[in-house]
Amino acid sequence: MIVEKPFSQACENNKKPILDVLKRVFYKSCEVVEIGSGTGQHAVYFAKNLPRLTWQPTDQSIYLGGISLWVDEADLCNVKPPLRLDVREEDWPIDKIEALFTANTLHIMSWESVELFYQRLGRYLLPGAKFCSYGPFNINGQYTSESNASFDQWLKQRDPLSGIRDLEALVALGEAEGLSLKDNIMLPANNRLLVWEK
């Protein structure tokens, strides 16, 4: 089966503002694990612009072929081949994690999967590990923009178990696993980058 190289315009739009934050947050890290690498665009862009870091893309099986096309074409020595990883599974194909990044995943997962994801973070993140999560989030149970409200409606029509997550609920999940929210950075297009520390 021929796999076409995937492309996301959203990844192109948001990569520079995210990179500016990652440069600051991951400045002491050596390897970053990315959960839900999607097309693979973020992996190769961030690895190219953060050459001191090793980047480990991961995703579910159906996306690995497309990610590999981006990784192979970029031919960067600091990007590893993508690994199959399902956050719901008890055992991840990685040992302890010192830095973790995910973009536009929490609103795609069911809430049960989000809870399992945070439980796994409690298990796999090393003390002092940094975790960055990018995407739209509700504040105090309220949408932060009309576009986010429309996006949430679209998500739930597509999958009733998905939806924009409330920041306060995520903070509670994080605290239960020893994660503290250190920063909440507003980025373009009504998205935020949440910075956590184990």
Foldseek 3Di string as FASTA:
>chain_A
DDDDQDDDVVCVVFLVVVLVVCCVQCVPPAEEEEECCAQLVNVLVSCVVPVSHAYEYEYAPVRQVNNVVVCVVSVRPRYDRYYYAQLQDPDGPDAAGQEYEYEPDQQLDFVVSVLSNLVVCLVRYDAFHKYKYKDAAAEPPHGPDPVQVVVQVVSCVVPVRGGHYHPVVNQVSNVVSVKHFDDWAQDPPNMTMTMIGD
